[in-house]
């Protein structure tokens, strides 16, 4: 039985010319707003930005003009303010008691980027105890540079339950956003790009009045059918098989990759479909409220509802069955396989 899996920042990249051009234009422009890049899980957000920055970093003008800071929070255990400080800062004192460098350049996910700021142990301890402001220190370091900066956060929502002064006191995310607004809108010192597959987190940001005029939102969705078809054909799948695959799976990058890695693409598609069907059955078993919501979705009904319905949408989104787009006010199935599985469940139930 195939286990559902998701792509990572270095999964196979198929060209997204329009999206890549849009991001390049944003990077080349004067920093003036936080850019939130959002979309369904495994739609290729990280891969897209990774490729854009990778290609730009090979150009002499880019290296002369920009520094890149990339923070990937996926897979990290972050439960305290101390953990957050550790994300940004590393201690390394010389024998003479001075900094080797104000920032540390590392090779991170294959890109020449800055990862963590170097500080003396004593200063880092002051950050831990809140006697010094880490954001002020980072701003000072960035201001010393003659370059512009690009700061990337992947899955920033992992910090939303972390507080600076104990439970429910000064959320770290709020302080970070204030810092981001200062870097972009106020100082025009740095681009800040925040990527997230948690669209309910995006909605919280979108509805925050203090961020209304300081943020932009960019959707990275799955490939359209034509692009998915062309990918399959270009990778050696015959046209008839490619049409059948696309009609049933759409353009989900990780599904396309799974199928292309198989010697029997249609059999792999069937196994994946069975997994989606099983996942959906488990999600709605003994849950008449979720079942009723999905039944309406399977019938083609628009699923954007008032607040009393959104909790159900959120639950199904967390189970990766529905996708909620708060910017365009749309609720839809996460993938076409989810949609086909729902239709089969409810068609069988009505017989």
Protein backbone atom coordinates (compact mmCIF):
# COMPACT_ATOMS: atom_id res chain seq x y z
CA UNK A 1 0.00 0.00 0.00
CA UNK A 2 1.39 3.40 -0.97
CA UNK A 3 1.73 5.89 1.85
CA UNK A 4 0.72 9.45 1.04
CA UNK A 5 3.78 11.67 1.02
CA UNK A 6 4.59 15.29 0.49
CA UNK A 7 7.33 17.05 -1.38
CA UNK A 8 10.15 19.10 0.11
CA UNK A 9 12.14 22.14 -1.06
CA UNK A 10 14.38 20.05 -3.30
CA UNK A 11 11.71 17.93 -5.01
CA UNK A 12 11.78 17.84 -8.83
CA UNK A 13 11.16 21.29 -10.30
CA UNK A 14 9.08 21.87 -13.40
CA UNK A 15 9.24 25.39 -14.75
CA UNK A 16 6.65 27.90 -13.52
CA UNK A 17 7.53 30.80 -15.76
CA UNK A 18 4.75 33.19 -14.71
CA UNK A 19 5.13 32.62 -10.97
CA UNK A 20 8.93 32.80 -11.21
CA UNK A 21 8.73 36.09 -13.12
CA UNK A 22 6.30 37.52 -10.56
CA UNK A 23 8.64 36.67 -7.68
CA UNK A 24 11.67 38.04 -9.54
CA UNK A 25 9.85 41.33 -10.14
CA UNK A 26 8.98 41.53 -6.45
CA UNK A 27 12.59 40.90 -5.42
CA UNK A 28 13.92 43.50 -7.87
CA UNK A 29 11.47 46.15 -6.64
CA UNK A 30 12.04 48.47 -3.70
CA UNK A 31 11.14 46.68 -0.43
CA UNK A 32 7.79 48.10 0.64
CA UNK A 33 5.59 45.24 1.92
CA UNK A 34 5.72 41.79 3.46
CA UNK A 35 4.96 39.18 0.80
CA UNK A 36 2.93 36.17 1.97
CA UNK A 37 3.25 33.22 -0.41
CA UNK A 38 0.50 30.70 0.36
CA UNK A 39 -1.23 27.73 -1.24
CA UNK A 40 -2.20 24.09 -0.76
CA UNK A 41 0.28 21.78 0.92
CA UNK A 42 2.88 20.55 -1.55
CA UNK A 43 1.83 22.98 -4.27
CA UNK A 44 5.50 23.83 -4.80
CA UNK A 45 5.87 27.11 -2.88
CA UNK A 46 9.26 26.37 -1.34
CA UNK A 47 10.56 24.71 -4.49
CA UNK A 48 9.52 27.68 -6.61
CA UNK A 49 11.18 30.30 -4.41
CA UNK A 50 14.24 28.09 -3.95
CA UNK A 51 14.71 27.89 -7.72
CA UNK A 52 14.13 31.62 -8.20
CA UNK A 53 16.73 32.55 -5.57
CA UNK A 54 19.13 29.87 -6.79
CA UNK A 55 19.05 31.20 -10.36
CA UNK A 56 19.35 34.82 -9.25
CA UNK A 57 22.25 34.04 -6.92
CA UNK A 58 24.35 32.98 -9.92
CA UNK A 59 24.11 36.46 -11.43
CA UNK A 60 26.85 38.92 -10.53
CA UNK A 61 24.49 41.89 -10.07
CA UNK A 62 22.39 39.92 -7.60
CA UNK A 63 25.37 38.91 -5.47
CA UNK A 64 26.54 42.52 -5.40
CA UNK A 65 23.14 43.94 -4.46
CA UNK A 66 21.46 41.36 -2.19
CA UNK A 67 22.08 39.11 0.79
CA UNK A 68 19.66 36.26 1.49
CA UNK A 69 18.55 34.96 4.90
CA UNK A 70 16.50 31.76 4.77
CA UNK A 71 14.75 30.21 7.78
CA UNK A 72 13.00 26.88 7.23
CA UNK A 73 10.95 26.11 10.35
CA UNK A 74 9.58 22.79 9.17
CA UNK A 75 10.65 19.86 11.27
CA UNK A 76 11.92 22.09 14.09
CA UNK A 77 10.77 21.77 17.68
CA UNK A 78 9.84 25.32 18.71
CA UNK A 79 8.08 25.63 22.04
CA UNK A 80 9.69 28.58 23.78
CA UNK A 81 11.14 32.03 23.28
CA UNK A 82 14.60 30.50 23.87
CA UNK A 83 14.05 28.25 20.84
CA UNK A 84 13.27 31.32 18.76
CA UNK A 85 16.47 33.05 19.87
CA UNK A 86 18.40 29.92 18.90
CA UNK A 87 16.90 30.07 15.40
CA UNK A 88 18.41 33.52 14.82
CA UNK A 89 21.63 33.52 16.85
CA UNK A 90 24.75 31.45 17.31
CA UNK A 91 27.47 32.13 19.87
CA UNK A 92 31.08 32.03 18.78
CA UNK A 93 33.62 34.22 20.58
CA UNK A 94 37.24 34.52 19.52
CA UNK A 95 40.14 34.25 21.93
CA UNK A 96 40.42 38.02 21.79
CA UNK A 97 36.82 38.30 22.90
CA UNK A 98 35.50 39.89 19.70
CA UNK A 99 33.18 38.73 16.92
CA UNK A 100 34.60 36.76 14.03
CA UNK A 101 31.75 38.15 11.98
CA UNK A 102 28.47 39.86 12.74
CA UNK A 103 26.59 37.24 10.74
CA UNK A 104 27.27 33.68 9.78
CA UNK A 105 27.20 32.56 6.16
CA UNK A 106 26.16 28.95 5.71
CA UNK A 107 25.27 26.69 2.83
CA UNK A 108 21.59 26.13 3.57
CA UNK A 109 19.39 23.96 1.28
CA UNK A 110 22.01 24.40 -1.44
CA UNK A 111 21.90 28.20 -1.47
CA UNK A 112 24.59 30.73 -0.47
CA UNK A 113 22.61 32.36 2.33
CA UNK A 114 23.11 33.80 5.77
CA UNK A 115 21.64 31.54 8.42
CA UNK A 116 22.32 32.80 11.94
CA UNK A 117 23.74 35.96 13.46
CA UNK A 118 26.88 35.45 15.54
CA UNK A 119 26.83 37.00 19.00
CA UNK A 120 28.83 36.72 22.18
CA UNK A 121 27.50 34.31 24.77
CA UNK A 122 26.80 37.15 27.20
CA UNK A 123 24.63 38.98 24.67
CA UNK A 124 22.73 35.84 23.74
CA UNK A 125 22.00 35.25 27.43
CA UNK A 126 20.61 38.78 27.58
CA UNK A 127 18.31 37.89 24.69
CA UNK A 128 17.16 34.79 26.60
CA UNK A 129 16.39 36.83 29.71
CA UNK A 130 14.75 39.68 27.69
CA UNK A 131 17.33 42.21 28.89
CA UNK A 132 18.24 42.99 25.29
CA UNK A 133 16.07 43.21 22.17
CA UNK A 134 17.19 40.73 19.47
CA UNK A 135 15.24 42.55 16.78
CA UNK A 136 17.06 45.81 17.47
CA UNK A 137 20.37 43.95 17.20
CA UNK A 138 19.42 42.31 13.90
CA UNK A 139 18.27 45.63 12.48
CA UNK A 140 21.58 47.23 13.47
CA UNK A 141 23.53 44.48 11.71
CA UNK A 142 21.41 44.74 8.57
CA UNK A 143 21.72 48.53 8.49
CA UNK A 144 25.52 48.28 8.52
CA UNK A 145 25.45 46.41 5.23
CA UNK A 146 25.43 48.36 1.99
CA UNK A 147 23.24 45.70 0.41
CA UNK A 148 19.51 45.07 0.33
CA UNK A 149 18.33 41.89 1.99
CA UNK A 150 15.86 39.08 1.33
CA UNK A 151 14.54 37.35 4.45
CA UNK A 152 12.60 34.14 3.83
CA UNK A 153 10.52 32.30 6.42
CA UNK A 154 9.12 28.90 5.50
CA UNK A 155 6.10 27.86 7.63
CA UNK A 156 6.30 30.83 10.02
CA UNK A 157 2.99 29.78 11.62
CA UNK A 158 5.00 27.34 13.75
CA UNK A 159 5.79 30.32 15.98
CA UNK A 160 2.20 31.43 16.55
CA UNK A 161 1.87 29.63 19.92
CA UNK A 162 5.18 30.96 21.26
CA UNK A 163 5.15 33.93 23.65
CA UNK A 164 7.93 36.23 24.83
CA UNK A 165 6.73 36.73 28.42
CA UNK A 166 4.92 33.57 29.38
CA UNK A 167 1.58 32.19 28.29
CA UNK A 168 -0.59 34.58 26.25
CA UNK A 169 1.85 37.47 26.78
CA UNK A 170 3.38 39.22 23.74
CA UNK A 171 3.24 36.64 20.92
CA UNK A 172 6.57 36.22 19.12
CA UNK A 173 4.80 36.37 15.76
CA UNK A 174 3.39 39.82 16.54
CA UNK A 175 6.85 41.13 17.41
CA UNK A 176 8.26 39.56 14.27
CA UNK A 177 5.61 41.22 12.11
CA UNK A 178 6.39 44.58 13.67
CA UNK A 179 10.04 43.93 12.82
CA UNK A 180 9.11 42.90 9.26
CA UNK A 181 7.01 46.03 8.73
CA UNK A 182 9.93 48.15 9.87
CA UNK A 183 12.34 46.36 7.52
CA UNK A 184 10.01 46.70 4.53
CA UNK A 185 7.53 49.57 4.77
CA UNK A 186 9.52 51.91 7.03
CA UNK A 187 13.21 51.40 6.24
CA UNK A 188 12.91 49.76 2.78
CA UNK A 189 15.90 47.75 3.93
CA UNK A 190 14.81 44.21 3.21
CA UNK A 191 12.30 42.08 1.39
CA UNK A 192 10.48 39.73 3.74
CA UNK A 193 8.83 36.67 2.17
CA UNK A 194 6.70 34.43 4.39
CA UNK A 195 5.60 31.06 3.00
CA UNK A 196 2.79 29.06 4.60
CA UNK A 197 0.42 26.23 3.77
CA UNK A 198 -1.67 27.12 6.84
CA UNK A 199 -4.25 29.38 5.21
CA UNK A 200 -6.05 30.00 8.49
CA UNK A 201 -2.83 31.60 9.69
CA UNK A 202 -2.86 33.66 6.48
CA UNK A 203 -6.43 34.72 7.28
CA UNK A 204 -5.39 35.89 10.75
CA UNK A 205 -2.71 38.03 9.17
CA UNK A 206 -5.04 39.26 6.42
CA UNK A 207 -7.63 40.39 8.97
CA UNK A 208 -5.07 42.14 11.17
CA UNK A 209 -5.73 45.85 10.67
CA UNK A 210 -2.12 46.76 11.46
CA UNK A 211 -0.92 44.67 8.52
CA UNK A 212 -3.59 45.71 5.99
CA UNK A 213 -1.43 48.25 4.16
CA UNK A 214 1.89 46.54 4.73
CA UNK A 215 1.34 43.11 3.17
CA UNK A 216 0.78 41.45 -0.18
CA UNK A 217 -0.50 37.93 -0.84
CA UNK A 218 0.52 35.55 -3.62
CA UNK A 219 -1.19 32.20 -4.29
CA UNK A 220 0.91 29.30 -5.58
CA UNK A 221 -1.59 26.66 -6.61
CA UNK A 222 -1.20 23.27 -8.24
CA UNK A 223 -0.42 23.09 -11.96
CA UNK A 224 -3.33 23.59 -14.34
CA UNK A 225 -4.38 20.60 -16.47
CA UNK A 226 -2.54 21.73 -19.59
CA UNK A 227 0.73 22.19 -17.72
CA UNK A 228 0.35 18.83 -15.95
CA UNK A 229 -0.35 17.11 -19.29
CA UNK A 230 2.71 18.71 -20.91
CA UNK A 231 4.89 17.64 -17.98
CA UNK A 232 3.78 14.03 -18.26
CA UNK A 233 4.28 13.91 -22.03
CA UNK A 234 7.68 15.59 -21.79
CA UNK A 235 8.69 12.92 -19.26
CA UNK A 236 7.80 10.09 -21.66
CA UNK A 237 4.17 9.27 -20.78
CA UNK A 238 2.06 8.58 -23.89
CA UNK A 239 -0.67 11.13 -24.67
CA UNK A 240 -3.63 8.84 -23.92
CA UNK A 241 -2.24 7.82 -20.53
CA UNK A 242 -1.30 11.43 -19.75
CA UNK A 243 -4.86 12.56 -20.45
CA UNK A 244 -6.28 9.89 -18.16
CA UNK A 245 -3.87 10.73 -15.35
CA UNK A 246 -4.59 14.47 -15.54
CA UNK A 247 -8.36 13.99 -15.70
CA UNK A 248 -8.22 12.04 -12.42
CA UNK A 249 -5.35 13.66 -10.50
CA UNK A 250 -4.99 17.19 -11.84
CA UNK A 251 -1.62 18.92 -11.44
CA UNK A 252 -0.40 18.10 -7.93
CA UNK A 253 3.42 18.09 -8.17
CA UNK A 254 4.08 15.27 -5.69
CA UNK A 255 1.43 13.04 -7.31
CA UNK A 256 2.93 13.65 -10.76
CA UNK A 257 6.36 12.82 -9.38
CA UNK A 258 5.06 9.64 -7.72
CA UNK A 259 3.47 8.51 -10.99
CA UNK A 260 6.54 9.34 -13.09
CA UNK A 261 8.74 7.30 -10.77
CA UNK A 262 6.54 4.24 -11.32
CA UNK A 263 6.88 1.63 -14.05
CA UNK A 264 3.09 1.31 -14.09
CA UNK A 265 1.68 4.86 -13.88
CA UNK A 266 -2.03 3.97 -14.12
CA UNK A 267 -1.71 1.28 -11.44
CA UNK A 268 0.10 3.77 -9.21
CA UNK A 269 -2.67 6.31 -9.80
CA UNK A 270 -5.26 3.69 -8.77
CA UNK A 271 -3.30 2.87 -5.60
CA UNK A 272 -3.09 6.56 -4.74
CA UNK A 273 -6.80 6.97 -5.33
CA UNK A 274 -7.54 4.07 -2.97
CA UNK A 275 -5.38 5.78 -0.33
CA UNK A 276 -7.33 9.03 -0.75
CA UNK A 277 -10.61 7.15 -0.52
CA UNK A 278 -9.49 5.44 2.69
CA UNK A 279 -8.26 8.75 4.15
CA UNK A 280 -11.60 10.41 3.48
CA UNK A 281 -13.62 7.54 4.89
CA UNK A 282 -11.63 7.66 8.12
CA UNK A 283 -12.02 11.44 8.35
CA UNK A 284 -15.81 11.42 8.21
CA UNK A 285 -16.59 8.12 9.92
CA UNK A 286 -19.04 8.79 12.77
CA UNK A 287 -19.01 12.50 11.92
CA UNK A 288 -22.35 13.42 10.38
CA UNK A 289 -21.48 17.14 10.43
CA UNK A 290 -18.34 16.64 8.33
CA UNK A 291 -20.14 14.18 6.11
CA UNK A 292 -22.90 16.71 5.37
CA UNK A 293 -20.37 19.41 4.53
CA UNK A 294 -18.42 17.17 2.17
CA UNK A 295 -21.60 15.95 0.55
CA UNK A 296 -22.49 19.52 -0.37
CA UNK A 297 -18.98 20.04 -1.71
CA UNK A 298 -19.19 16.86 -3.79
CA UNK A 299 -22.44 18.12 -5.33
CA UNK A 300 -20.65 21.24 -6.54
CA UNK A 301 -22.05 23.65 -3.96
CA UNK A 302 -19.97 26.70 -3.07
CA UNK A 303 -18.45 25.98 0.33
CA UNK A 304 -17.74 29.45 1.64
CA UNK A 305 -19.89 29.84 4.72
CA UNK A 306 -20.25 31.94 7.85
CA UNK A 307 -18.16 31.47 10.96
CA UNK A 308 -20.25 28.59 12.28
CA UNK A 309 -19.23 26.52 9.26
CA UNK A 310 -15.60 27.53 9.06
CA UNK A 311 -14.57 25.33 12.00
CA UNK A 312 -15.65 22.28 10.02
CA UNK A 313 -13.79 23.55 6.97
CA UNK A 314 -10.70 24.04 9.14
CA UNK A 315 -10.90 20.48 10.46
CA UNK A 316 -11.12 19.06 6.95
CA UNK A 317 -8.33 21.35 5.78
CA UNK A 318 -6.08 20.03 8.57
CA UNK A 319 -6.87 16.53 7.31
CA UNK A 320 -5.78 17.76 3.83
CA UNK A 321 -9.18 17.13 2.27
CA UNK A 322 -10.33 20.72 1.73
CA UNK A 323 -8.33 23.84 0.84
CA UNK A 324 -9.39 27.22 2.18
CA UNK A 325 -8.29 30.38 0.34
CA UNK A 326 -9.12 33.34 2.62
CA UNK A 327 -7.90 35.97 0.16
CA UNK A 328 -10.12 34.88 -2.74
CA UNK A 329 -12.90 33.62 -0.39
CA UNK A 330 -12.88 30.09 -1.82
CA UNK A 331 -13.20 26.63 -0.29
CA UNK A 332 -12.51 23.65 -2.53
CA UNK A 333 -11.18 20.12 -2.41
CA UNK A 334 -7.47 19.90 -1.72
CA UNK A 335 -6.90 17.82 -4.88
CA UNK A 336 -8.95 16.27 -7.65
CA UNK A 337 -8.36 12.84 -6.11
CA UNK A 338 -10.07 14.12 -2.95
CA UNK A 339 -13.00 15.37 -5.02
CA UNK A 340 -13.38 12.07 -6.91
CA UNK A 341 -13.12 10.09 -3.65
CA UNK A 342 -15.87 12.20 -2.05
CA UNK A 343 -18.16 11.76 -5.04
CA UNK A 344 -17.67 7.99 -4.98
CA UNK A 345 -18.36 7.80 -1.24
CA UNK A 346 -21.62 9.68 -1.49
CA UNK A 347 -22.74 8.03 -4.72
CA UNK A 348 -22.27 4.61 -3.11
CA UNK A 349 -24.06 5.76 0.04
CA UNK A 350 -27.13 6.84 -1.95
CA UNK A 351 -27.53 3.53 -3.75
